[in-house]
Amino acid sequence: MIVAVRRYLPGLLFALAVTFVGFNIHWRFASISPLVASLVIGVVVGNLGVIPQSFAPGQKFAAKRILRFGIVLLGTQLAAKQIVELGGREVIVVLLVVATTFL
């Protein structure tokens, strides 16, 4: 467990810092999406070659697992009202489909 934390933590903290800066840009300039700001920062910093190689495992984890989870949550948020209107059995089916996304 501690080995995994040491492996992923630097890259996850970097992703968190970039996200934080992206949100600060959004709070300052409301017309700029925090997602777009964070992506641009990540692309620019990534192409400058200043990110240490030790950040790679955490960045890969953030890009594959956390980003996927965020996309699922966004889709769930968009469809929550429609899901509630479906009823009991359909909600279970939707939850199973969402859970399958992570396998």
PDB file of N, CA and C in Angstrom:
ATOM      1  N   MET A   1       0.826  -1.196   0.000  1.00  0.00           N
ATOM      2  CA  MET A   1       0.000   0.000   0.000  1.00  0.00           C
ATOM      3  C   MET A   1       0.872   1.263   0.000  1.00  0.00           C
ATOM      4  N   ILE A   2       1.862   1.296   0.887  1.00  0.00           N
ATOM      5  CA  ILE A   2       2.723   2.481   0.983  1.00  0.00           C
ATOM      6  C   ILE A   2       3.550   2.620  -0.298  1.00  0.00           C
ATOM      7  N   VAL A   3       3.931   1.493  -0.877  1.00  0.00           N
ATOM      8  CA  VAL A   3       4.692   1.535  -2.122  1.00  0.00           C
ATOM      9  C   VAL A   3       3.834   2.156  -3.231  1.00  0.00           C
ATOM     10  N   ALA A   4       2.562   1.771  -3.286  1.00  0.00           N
ATOM     11  CA  ALA A   4       1.664   2.330  -4.296  1.00  0.00           C
ATOM     12  C   ALA A   4       1.468   3.820  -4.086  1.00  0.00           C
ATOM     13  N   VAL A   5       1.346   4.238  -2.831  1.00  0.00           N
ATOM     14  CA  VAL A   5       1.180   5.662  -2.543  1.00  0.00           C
ATOM     15  C   VAL A   5       2.413   6.430  -2.994  1.00  0.00           C
ATOM     16  N   ARG A   6       3.583   5.922  -2.667  1.00  0.00           N
ATOM     17  CA  ARG A   6       4.827   6.595  -3.081  1.00  0.00           C
ATOM     18  C   ARG A   6       4.971   6.624  -4.603  1.00  0.00           C
ATOM     19  N   ARG A   7       4.457   5.620  -5.245  1.00  0.00           N
ATOM     20  CA  ARG A   7       4.567   5.541  -6.702  1.00  0.00           C
ATOM     21  C   ARG A   7       3.631   6.535  -7.396  1.00  0.00           C
ATOM     22  N   TYR A   8       2.404   6.625  -6.913  1.00  0.00           N
ATOM     23  CA  TYR A   8       1.392   7.435  -7.585  1.00  0.00           C
ATOM     24  C   TYR A   8       1.292   8.872  -7.073  1.00  0.00           C
ATOM     25  N   LEU A   9       1.688   9.116  -5.849  1.00  0.00           N
ATOM     26  CA  LEU A   9       1.456  10.409  -5.223  1.00  0.00           C
ATOM     27  C   LEU A   9       2.052  11.600  -5.970  1.00  0.00           C
ATOM     28  N   PRO A  10       3.293  11.558  -6.428  1.00  0.00           N
ATOM     29  CA  PRO A  10       3.825  12.753  -7.119  1.00  0.00           C
ATOM     30  C   PRO A  10       3.008  13.156  -8.352  1.00  0.00           C
ATOM     31  N   GLY A  11       2.647  12.197  -9.173  1.00  0.00           N
ATOM     32  CA  GLY A  11       1.867  12.501 -10.372  1.00  0.00           C
ATOM     33  C   GLY A  11       0.457  12.956 -10.047  1.00  0.00           C
ATOM     34  N   LEU A  12      -0.145  12.349  -9.010  1.00  0.00           N
ATOM     35  CA  LEU A  12      -1.486  12.771  -8.607  1.00  0.00           C
ATOM     36  C   LEU A  12      -1.480  14.179  -8.032  1.00  0.00           C
ATOM     37  N   LEU A  13      -0.460  14.508  -7.253  1.00  0.00           N
ATOM     38  CA  LEU A  13      -0.354  15.876  -6.726  1.00  0.00           C
ATOM     39  C   LEU A  13      -0.138  16.884  -7.844  1.00  0.00           C
ATOM     40  N   PHE A  14       0.633  16.494  -8.851  1.00  0.00           N
ATOM     41  CA  PHE A  14       0.835  17.374  -9.996  1.00  0.00           C
ATOM     42  C   PHE A  14      -0.481  17.597 -10.741  1.00  0.00           C
ATOM     43  N   ALA A  15      -1.235  16.524 -10.953  1.00  0.00           N
ATOM     44  CA  ALA A  15      -2.533  16.649 -11.626  1.00  0.00           C
ATOM     45  C   ALA A  15      -3.480  17.514 -10.798  1.00  0.00           C
ATOM     46  N   LEU A  16      -3.446  17.347  -9.490  1.00  0.00           N
ATOM     47  CA  LEU A  16      -4.271  18.167  -8.602  1.00  0.00           C
ATOM     48  C   LEU A  16      -3.873  19.638  -8.689  1.00  0.00           C
ATOM     49  N   ALA A  17      -2.576  19.904  -8.732  1.00  0.00           N
ATOM     50  CA  ALA A  17      -2.104  21.285  -8.826  1.00  0.00           C
ATOM     51  C   ALA A  17      -2.528  21.930 -10.145  1.00  0.00           C
ATOM     52  N   VAL A  18      -2.415  21.185 -11.234  1.00  0.00           N
ATOM     53  CA  VAL A  18      -2.830  21.709 -12.534  1.00  0.00           C
ATOM     54  C   VAL A  18      -4.336  21.971 -12.539  1.00  0.00           C
ATOM     55  N   THR A  19      -5.090  21.072 -11.952  1.00  0.00           N
ATOM     56  CA  THR A  19      -6.544  21.259 -11.851  1.00  0.00           C
ATOM     57  C   THR A  19      -6.879  22.483 -11.019  1.00  0.00           C
ATOM     58  N   PHE A  20      -6.170  22.669  -9.914  1.00  0.00           N
ATOM     59  CA  PHE A  20      -6.388  23.825  -9.052  1.00  0.00           C
ATOM     60  C   PHE A  20      -6.121  25.128  -9.808  1.00  0.00           C
ATOM     61  N   VAL A  21      -5.040  25.159 -10.563  1.00  0.00           N
ATOM     62  CA  VAL A  21      -4.736  26.349 -11.368  1.00  0.00           C
ATOM     63  C   VAL A  21      -5.812  26.556 -12.426  1.00  0.00           C
ATOM     64  N   GLY A  22      -6.274  25.479 -13.034  1.00  0.00           N
ATOM     65  CA  GLY A  22      -7.347  25.587 -14.026  1.00  0.00           C
ATOM     66  C   GLY A  22      -8.611  26.179 -13.442  1.00  0.00           C
ATOM     67  N   PHE A  23      -8.961  25.754 -12.224  1.00  0.00           N
ATOM     68  CA  PHE A  23     -10.141  26.328 -11.576  1.00  0.00           C
ATOM     69  C   PHE A  23      -9.925  27.786 -11.198  1.00  0.00           C
ATOM     70  N   ASN A  24      -8.719  28.132 -10.778  1.00  0.00           N
ATOM     71  CA  ASN A  24      -8.439  29.535 -10.467  1.00  0.00           C
ATOM     72  C   ASN A  24      -8.572  30.422 -11.701  1.00  0.00           C
ATOM     73  N   ILE A  25      -8.137  29.915 -12.825  1.00  0.00           N
ATOM     74  CA  ILE A  25      -8.310  30.670 -14.074  1.00  0.00           C
ATOM     75  C   ILE A  25      -9.800  30.841 -14.360  1.00  0.00           C
ATOM     76  N   HIS A  26     -10.571  29.776 -14.168  1.00  0.00           N
ATOM     77  CA  HIS A  26     -12.019  29.850 -14.392  1.00  0.00           C
ATOM     78  C   HIS A  26     -12.681  30.854 -13.443  1.00  0.00           C
ATOM     79  N   TRP A  27     -12.272  30.852 -12.175  1.00  0.00           N
ATOM     80  CA  TRP A  27     -12.867  31.777 -11.217  1.00  0.00           C
ATOM     81  C   TRP A  27     -12.535  33.224 -11.562  1.00  0.00           C
ATOM     82  N   ARG A  28     -11.399  33.408 -12.178  1.00  0.00           N
ATOM     83  CA  ARG A  28     -10.990  34.769 -12.562  1.00  0.00           C
ATOM     84  C   ARG A  28     -11.627  35.207 -13.878  1.00  0.00           C
ATOM     85  N   PHE A  29     -11.705  34.268 -14.806  1.00  0.00           N
ATOM     86  CA  PHE A  29     -12.290  34.525 -16.127  1.00  0.00           C
ATOM     87  C   PHE A  29     -13.385  33.489 -16.351  1.00  0.00           C
ATOM     88  N   ALA A  30     -14.604  33.836 -16.036  1.00  0.00           N
ATOM     89  CA  ALA A  30     -15.711  32.878 -16.035  1.00  0.00           C
ATOM     90  C   ALA A  30     -15.966  32.236 -17.396  1.00  0.00           C
ATOM     91  N   SER A  31     -15.566  32.900 -18.466  1.00  0.00           N
ATOM     92  CA  SER A  31     -15.825  32.354 -19.797  1.00  0.00           C
ATOM     93  C   SER A  31     -14.888  31.200 -20.153  1.00  0.00           C
ATOM     94  N   ILE A  32     -13.832  30.996 -19.367  1.00  0.00           N
ATOM     95  CA  ILE A  32     -12.881  29.913 -19.629  1.00  0.00           C
ATOM     96  C   ILE A  32     -13.232  28.724 -18.751  1.00  0.00           C
ATOM     97  N   SER A  33     -13.483  27.601 -19.365  1.00  0.00           N
ATOM     98  CA  SER A  33     -13.821  26.378 -18.646  1.00  0.00           C
ATOM     99  C   SER A  33     -12.607  25.884 -17.851  1.00  0.00           C
ATOM    100  N   PRO A  34     -12.818  25.401 -16.623  1.00  0.00           N
ATOM    101  CA  PRO A  34     -11.687  24.857 -15.870  1.00  0.00           C
ATOM    102  C   PRO A  34     -11.078  23.636 -16.555  1.00  0.00           C
ATOM    103  N   LEU A  35     -11.899  22.875 -17.261  1.00  0.00           N
ATOM    104  CA  LEU A  35     -11.393  21.722 -17.995  1.00  0.00           C
ATOM    105  C   LEU A  35     -10.445  22.154 -19.104  1.00  0.00           C
ATOM    106  N   VAL A  36     -10.868  23.145 -19.882  1.00  0.00           N
ATOM    107  CA  VAL A  36     -10.032  23.637 -20.985  1.00  0.00           C
ATOM    108  C   VAL A  36      -8.746  24.256 -20.437  1.00  0.00           C
ATOM    109  N   ALA A  37      -8.861  25.059 -19.384  1.00  0.00           N
ATOM    110  CA  ALA A  37      -7.682  25.685 -18.793  1.00  0.00           C
ATOM    111  C   ALA A  37      -6.699  24.628 -18.298  1.00  0.00           C
ATOM    112  N   SER A  38      -7.202  23.613 -17.610  1.00  0.00           N
ATOM    113  CA  SER A  38      -6.333  22.553 -17.091  1.00  0.00           C
ATOM    114  C   SER A  38      -5.683  21.763 -18.219  1.00  0.00           C
ATOM    115  N   LEU A  39      -6.440  21.474 -19.267  1.00  0.00           N
ATOM    116  CA  LEU A  39      -5.872  20.752 -20.407  1.00  0.00           C
ATOM    117  C   LEU A  39      -4.775  21.549 -21.091  1.00  0.00           C
ATOM    118  N   VAL A  40      -5.010  22.841 -21.280  1.00  0.00           N
ATOM    119  CA  VAL A  40      -3.995  23.685 -21.927  1.00  0.00           C
ATOM    120  C   VAL A  40      -2.736  23.745 -21.069  1.00  0.00           C
ATOM    121  N   ILE A  41      -2.902  23.928 -19.768  1.00  0.00           N
ATOM    122  CA  ILE A  41      -1.736  23.958 -18.876  1.00  0.00           C
ATOM    123  C   ILE A  41      -0.983  22.639 -18.950  1.00  0.00           C
ATOM    124  N   GLY A  42      -1.705  21.535 -18.894  1.00  0.00           N
ATOM    125  CA  GLY A  42      -1.069  20.225 -18.974  1.00  0.00           C
ATOM    126  C   GLY A  42      -0.323  20.002 -20.271  1.00  0.00           C
ATOM    127  N   VAL A  43      -0.908  20.428 -21.375  1.00  0.00           N
ATOM    128  CA  VAL A  43      -0.256  20.272 -22.681  1.00  0.00           C
ATOM    129  C   VAL A  43       1.008  21.129 -22.756  1.00  0.00           C
ATOM    130  N   VAL A  44       0.902  22.367 -22.316  1.00  0.00           N
ATOM    131  CA  VAL A  44       2.057  23.269 -22.376  1.00  0.00           C
ATOM    132  C   VAL A  44       3.188  22.765 -21.490  1.00  0.00           C
ATOM    133  N   VAL A  45       2.872  22.456 -20.241  1.00  0.00           N
ATOM    134  CA  VAL A  45       3.912  21.990 -19.316  1.00  0.00           C
ATOM    135  C   VAL A  45       4.476  20.648 -19.780  1.00  0.00           C
ATOM    136  N   GLY A  46       3.611  19.772 -20.267  1.00  0.00           N
ATOM    137  CA  GLY A  46       4.073  18.481 -20.756  1.00  0.00           C
ATOM    138  C   GLY A  46       5.018  18.594 -21.939  1.00  0.00           C
ATOM    139  N   ASN A  47       4.760  19.536 -22.824  1.00  0.00           N
ATOM    140  CA  ASN A  47       5.624  19.719 -23.994  1.00  0.00           C
ATOM    141  C   ASN A  47       6.901  20.479 -23.687  1.00  0.00           C
ATOM    142  N   LEU A  48       6.949  21.141 -22.567  1.00  0.00           N
ATOM    143  CA  LEU A  48       8.185  21.819 -22.160  1.00  0.00           C
ATOM    144  C   LEU A  48       9.227  20.821 -21.650  1.00  0.00           C
ATOM    145  N   GLY A  49       8.783  19.644 -21.286  1.00  0.00           N
ATOM    146  CA  GLY A  49       9.695  18.600 -20.823  1.00  0.00           C
ATOM    147  C   GLY A  49      10.214  18.820 -19.416  1.00  0.00           C
ATOM    148  N   VAL A  50       9.469  19.530 -18.593  1.00  0.00           N
ATOM    149  CA  VAL A  50       9.923  19.826 -17.241  1.00  0.00           C
ATOM    150  C   VAL A  50       9.292  18.913 -16.187  1.00  0.00           C
ATOM    151  N   ILE A  51       8.449  18.002 -16.605  1.00  0.00           N
ATOM    152  CA  ILE A  51       7.792  17.101 -15.660  1.00  0.00           C
ATOM    153  C   ILE A  51       8.721  15.909 -15.414  1.00  0.00           C
ATOM    154  N   PRO A  52       9.083  15.672 -14.156  1.00  0.00           N
ATOM    155  CA  PRO A  52       9.961  14.532 -13.855  1.00  0.00           C
ATOM    156  C   PRO A  52       9.326  13.193 -14.229  1.00  0.00           C
ATOM    157  N   GLN A  53      10.142  12.247 -14.584  1.00  0.00           N
ATOM    158  CA  GLN A  53       9.662  10.920 -14.964  1.00  0.00           C
ATOM    159  C   GLN A  53       8.954  10.219 -13.807  1.00  0.00           C
ATOM    160  N   SER A  54       9.307  10.594 -12.576  1.00  0.00           N
ATOM    161  CA  SER A  54       8.674   9.963 -11.408  1.00  0.00           C
ATOM    162  C   SER A  54       7.192  10.310 -11.300  1.00  0.00           C
ATOM    163  N   PHE A  55       6.718  11.317 -12.038  1.00  0.00           N
ATOM    164  CA  PHE A  55       5.313  11.698 -12.034  1.00  0.00           C
ATOM    165  C   PHE A  55       4.478  10.812 -12.954  1.00  0.00           C
ATOM    166  N   ALA A  56       5.121  10.062 -13.843  1.00  0.00           N
ATOM    167  CA  ALA A  56       4.416   9.305 -14.887  1.00  0.00           C
ATOM    168  C   ALA A  56       3.382   8.313 -14.350  1.00  0.00           C
ATOM    169  N   PRO A  57       3.689   7.489 -13.345  1.00  0.00           N
ATOM    170  CA  PRO A  57       2.658   6.542 -12.882  1.00  0.00           C
ATOM    171  C   PRO A  57       1.400   7.240 -12.356  1.00  0.00           C
ATOM    172  N   GLY A  58       1.568   8.296 -11.592  1.00  0.00           N
ATOM    173  CA  GLY A  58       0.417   9.022 -11.064  1.00  0.00           C
ATOM    174  C   GLY A  58      -0.368   9.722 -12.148  1.00  0.00           C
ATOM    175  N   GLN A  59       0.342  10.263 -13.133  1.00  0.00           N
ATOM    176  CA  GLN A  59      -0.346  10.911 -14.249  1.00  0.00           C
ATOM    177  C   GLN A  59      -1.128   9.902 -15.067  1.00  0.00           C
ATOM    178  N   LYS A  60      -0.534   8.747 -15.283  1.00  0.00           N
ATOM    179  CA  LYS A  60      -1.227   7.699 -16.039  1.00  0.00           C
ATOM    180  C   LYS A  60      -2.477   7.238 -15.285  1.00  0.00           C
ATOM    181  N   PHE A  61      -2.349   7.068 -13.973  1.00  0.00           N
ATOM    182  CA  PHE A  61      -3.496   6.682 -13.152  1.00  0.00           C
ATOM    183  C   PHE A  61      -4.586   7.750 -13.225  1.00  0.00           C
ATOM    184  N   ALA A  62      -4.194   9.012 -13.120  1.00  0.00           N
ATOM    185  CA  ALA A  62      -5.166  10.113 -13.177  1.00  0.00           C
ATOM    186  C   ALA A  62      -5.849  10.158 -14.543  1.00  0.00           C
ATOM    187  N   ALA A  63      -5.078   9.949 -15.593  1.00  0.00           N
ATOM    188  CA  ALA A  63      -5.629  10.028 -16.945  1.00  0.00           C
ATOM    189  C   ALA A  63      -6.575   8.870 -17.245  1.00  0.00           C
ATOM    190  N   LYS A  64      -6.261   7.702 -16.734  1.00  0.00           N
ATOM    191  CA  LYS A  64      -7.090   6.545 -17.066  1.00  0.00           C
ATOM    192  C   LYS A  64      -8.226   6.340 -16.078  1.00  0.00           C
ATOM    193  N   ARG A  65      -7.951   6.322 -14.800  1.00  0.00           N
ATOM    194  CA  ARG A  65      -8.964   5.974 -13.810  1.00  0.00           C
ATOM    195  C   ARG A  65      -9.786   7.179 -13.347  1.00  0.00           C
ATOM    196  N   ILE A  66      -9.101   8.213 -12.918  1.00  0.00           N
ATOM    197  CA  ILE A  66      -9.811   9.359 -12.351  1.00  0.00           C
ATOM    198  C   ILE A  66     -10.576  10.110 -13.429  1.00  0.00           C
ATOM    199  N   LEU A  67      -9.971  10.291 -14.589  1.00  0.00           N
ATOM    200  CA  LEU A  67     -10.660  10.971 -15.679  1.00  0.00           C
ATOM    201  C   LEU A  67     -11.886  10.176 -16.122  1.00  0.00           C
ATOM    202  N   ARG A  68     -11.754   8.863 -16.219  1.00  0.00           N
ATOM    203  CA  ARG A  68     -12.893   8.017 -16.593  1.00  0.00           C
ATOM    204  C   ARG A  68     -14.015   8.146 -15.565  1.00  0.00           C
ATOM    205  N   PHE A  69     -13.651   8.129 -14.290  1.00  0.00           N
ATOM    206  CA  PHE A  69     -14.636   8.279 -13.220  1.00  0.00           C
ATOM    207  C   PHE A  69     -15.335   9.634 -13.323  1.00  0.00           C
ATOM    208  N   GLY A  70     -14.574  10.682 -13.605  1.00  0.00           N
ATOM    209  CA  GLY A  70     -15.159  12.016 -13.764  1.00  0.00           C
ATOM    210  C   GLY A  70     -16.126  12.094 -14.932  1.00  0.00           C
ATOM    211  N   ILE A  71     -15.784  11.441 -16.016  1.00  0.00           N
ATOM    212  CA  ILE A  71     -16.658  11.437 -17.183  1.00  0.00           C
ATOM    213  C   ILE A  71     -17.956  10.697 -16.872  1.00  0.00           C
ATOM    214  N   VAL A  72     -17.838   9.582 -16.163  1.00  0.00           N
ATOM    215  CA  VAL A  72     -19.041   8.834 -15.775  1.00  0.00           C
ATOM    216  C   VAL A  72     -19.905   9.686 -14.853  1.00  0.00           C
ATOM    217  N   LEU A  73     -19.280  10.372 -13.888  1.00  0.00           N
ATOM    218  CA  LEU A  73     -20.047  11.234 -12.993  1.00  0.00           C
ATOM    219  C   LEU A  73     -20.726  12.361 -13.747  1.00  0.00           C
ATOM    220  N   LEU A  74     -20.027  12.927 -14.726  1.00  0.00           N
ATOM    221  CA  LEU A  74     -20.627  13.986 -15.528  1.00  0.00           C
ATOM    222  C   LEU A  74     -21.840  13.459 -16.287  1.00  0.00           C
ATOM    223  N   GLY A  75     -21.699  12.301 -16.882  1.00  0.00           N
ATOM    224  CA  GLY A  75     -22.828  11.700 -17.591  1.00  0.00           C
ATOM    225  C   GLY A  75     -23.972  11.366 -16.655  1.00  0.00           C
ATOM    226  N   THR A  76     -23.631  10.916 -15.462  1.00  0.00           N
ATOM    227  CA  THR A  76     -24.664  10.617 -14.475  1.00  0.00           C
ATOM    228  C   THR A  76     -25.383  11.885 -14.056  1.00  0.00           C
ATOM    229  N   GLN A  77     -24.646  12.945 -13.878  1.00  0.00           N
ATOM    230  CA  GLN A  77     -25.243  14.225 -13.492  1.00  0.00           C
ATOM    231  C   GLN A  77     -26.205  14.707 -14.570  1.00  0.00           C
ATOM    232  N   LEU A  78     -25.788  14.558 -15.813  1.00  0.00           N
ATOM    233  CA  LEU A  78     -26.621  15.024 -16.910  1.00  0.00           C
ATOM    234  C   LEU A  78     -27.905  14.206 -17.030  1.00  0.00           C
ATOM    235  N   ALA A  79     -27.827  12.925 -16.677  1.00  0.00           N
ATOM    236  CA  ALA A  79     -28.975  12.056 -16.877  1.00  0.00           C
ATOM    237  C   ALA A  79     -29.701  11.712 -15.587  1.00  0.00           C
ATOM    238  N   ALA A  80     -29.316  12.302 -14.473  1.00  0.00           N
ATOM    239  CA  ALA A  80     -29.898  11.918 -13.178  1.00  0.00           C
ATOM    240  C   ALA A  80     -31.417  12.083 -13.158  1.00  0.00           C
ATOM    241  N   LYS A  81     -31.896  13.183 -13.694  1.00  0.00           N
ATOM    242  CA  LYS A  81     -33.336  13.426 -13.688  1.00  0.00           C
ATOM    243  C   LYS A  81     -34.058  12.353 -14.510  1.00  0.00           C
ATOM    244  N   GLN A  82     -33.523  12.034 -15.665  1.00  0.00           N
ATOM    245  CA  GLN A  82     -34.139  11.024 -16.507  1.00  0.00           C
ATOM    246  C   GLN A  82     -34.086   9.645 -15.846  1.00  0.00           C
ATOM    247  N   ILE A  83     -32.995   9.341 -15.143  1.00  0.00           N
ATOM    248  CA  ILE A  83     -32.854   8.048 -14.478  1.00  0.00           C
ATOM    249  C   ILE A  83     -33.894   7.908 -13.371  1.00  0.00           C
ATOM    250  N   VAL A  84     -34.073   8.976 -12.602  1.00  0.00           N
ATOM    251  CA  VAL A  84     -35.050   8.944 -11.522  1.00  0.00           C
ATOM    252  C   VAL A  84     -36.448   8.723 -12.075  1.00  0.00           C
ATOM    253  N   GLU A  85     -36.734   9.304 -13.217  1.00  0.00           N
ATOM    254  CA  GLU A  85     -38.057   9.158 -13.827  1.00  0.00           C
ATOM    255  C   GLU A  85     -38.300   7.741 -14.352  1.00  0.00           C
ATOM    256  N   LEU A  86     -37.221   6.974 -14.570  1.00  0.00           N
ATOM    257  CA  LEU A  86     -37.361   5.633 -15.127  1.00  0.00           C
ATOM    258  C   LEU A  86     -38.049   4.665 -14.172  1.00  0.00           C
ATOM    259  N   GLY A  87     -37.634   4.673 -12.931  1.00  0.00           N
ATOM    260  CA  GLY A  87     -38.204   3.731 -11.971  1.00  0.00           C
ATOM    261  C   GLY A  87     -37.159   2.790 -11.423  1.00  0.00           C
ATOM    262  N   GLY A  88     -37.569   1.872 -10.572  1.00  0.00           N
ATOM    263  CA  GLY A  88     -36.681   0.997  -9.815  1.00  0.00           C
ATOM    264  C   GLY A  88     -35.779   0.091 -10.609  1.00  0.00           C
ATOM    265  N   ARG A  89     -36.364  -0.781 -11.450  1.00  0.00           N
ATOM    266  CA  ARG A  89     -35.549  -1.738 -12.204  1.00  0.00           C
ATOM    267  C   ARG A  89     -34.580  -1.053 -13.148  1.00  0.00           C
ATOM    268  N   GLU A  90     -35.028  -0.004 -13.785  1.00  0.00           N
ATOM    269  CA  GLU A  90     -34.182   0.698 -14.741  1.00  0.00           C
ATOM    270  C   GLU A  90     -33.003   1.372 -14.050  1.00  0.00           C
ATOM    271  N   VAL A  91     -33.212   1.866 -12.836  1.00  0.00           N
ATOM    272  CA  VAL A  91     -32.113   2.475 -12.072  1.00  0.00           C
ATOM    273  C   VAL A  91     -31.045   1.437 -11.791  1.00  0.00           C
ATOM    274  N   ILE A  92     -31.449   0.219 -11.447  1.00  0.00           N
ATOM    275  CA  ILE A  92     -30.494  -0.862 -11.196  1.00  0.00           C
ATOM    276  C   ILE A  92     -29.699  -1.164 -12.460  1.00  0.00           C
ATOM    277  N   VAL A  93     -30.353  -1.198 -13.601  1.00  0.00           N
ATOM    278  CA  VAL A  93     -29.664  -1.453 -14.871  1.00  0.00           C
ATOM    279  C   VAL A  93     -28.648  -0.355 -15.145  1.00  0.00           C
ATOM    280  N   VAL A  94     -29.041   0.891 -14.940  1.00  0.00           N
ATOM    281  CA  VAL A  94     -28.120   2.018 -15.170  1.00  0.00           C
ATOM    282  C   VAL A  94     -26.916   1.906 -14.242  1.00  0.00           C
ATOM    283  N   LEU A  95     -27.134   1.577 -12.976  1.00  0.00           N
ATOM    284  CA  LEU A  95     -26.026   1.433 -12.025  1.00  0.00           C
ATOM    285  C   LEU A  95     -25.089   0.294 -12.436  1.00  0.00           C
ATOM    286  N   LEU A  96     -25.639  -0.793 -12.928  1.00  0.00           N
ATOM    287  CA  LEU A  96     -24.802  -1.911 -13.397  1.00  0.00           C
ATOM    288  C   LEU A  96     -23.964  -1.494 -14.618  1.00  0.00           C
ATOM    289  N   VAL A  97     -24.561  -0.749 -15.511  1.00  0.00           N
ATOM    290  CA  VAL A  97     -23.826  -0.287 -16.697  1.00  0.00           C
ATOM    291  C   VAL A  97     -22.696   0.643 -16.271  1.00  0.00           C
ATOM    292  N   VAL A  98     -22.979   1.552 -15.359  1.00  0.00           N
ATOM    293  CA  VAL A  98     -21.939   2.476 -14.875  1.00  0.00           C
ATOM    294  C   VAL A  98     -20.825   1.697 -14.185  1.00  0.00           C
ATOM    295  N   ALA A  99     -21.170   0.720 -13.358  1.00  0.00           N
ATOM    296  CA  ALA A  99     -20.167  -0.092 -12.670  1.00  0.00           C
ATOM    297  C   ALA A  99     -19.324  -0.867 -13.662  1.00  0.00           C
ATOM    298  N   THR A 100     -19.932  -1.366 -14.728  1.00  0.00           N
ATOM    299  CA  THR A 100     -19.202  -2.125 -15.749  1.00  0.00           C
ATOM    300  C   THR A 100     -18.173  -1.255 -16.461  1.00  0.00           C
ATOM    301  N   THR A 101     -18.412   0.027 -16.523  1.00  0.00           N
ATOM    302  CA  THR A 101     -17.478   0.942 -17.174  1.00  0.00           C
ATOM    303  C   THR A 101     -16.100   0.875 -16.538  1.00  0.00           C
ATOM    304  N   PHE A 102     -16.030   0.591 -15.256  1.00  0.00           N
ATOM    305  CA  PHE A 102     -14.754   0.601 -14.549  1.00  0.00           C
ATOM    306  C   PHE A 102     -14.014  -0.708 -14.623  1.00  0.00           C
ATOM    307  N   LEU A 103     -14.597  -1.728 -15.200  1.00  0.00           N
ATOM    308  CA  LEU A 103     -13.917  -3.040 -15.287  1.00  0.00           C
ATOM    309  C   LEU A 103     -12.955  -3.101 -16.423  1.00  0.00           C
TER     310      LEU A 103
END
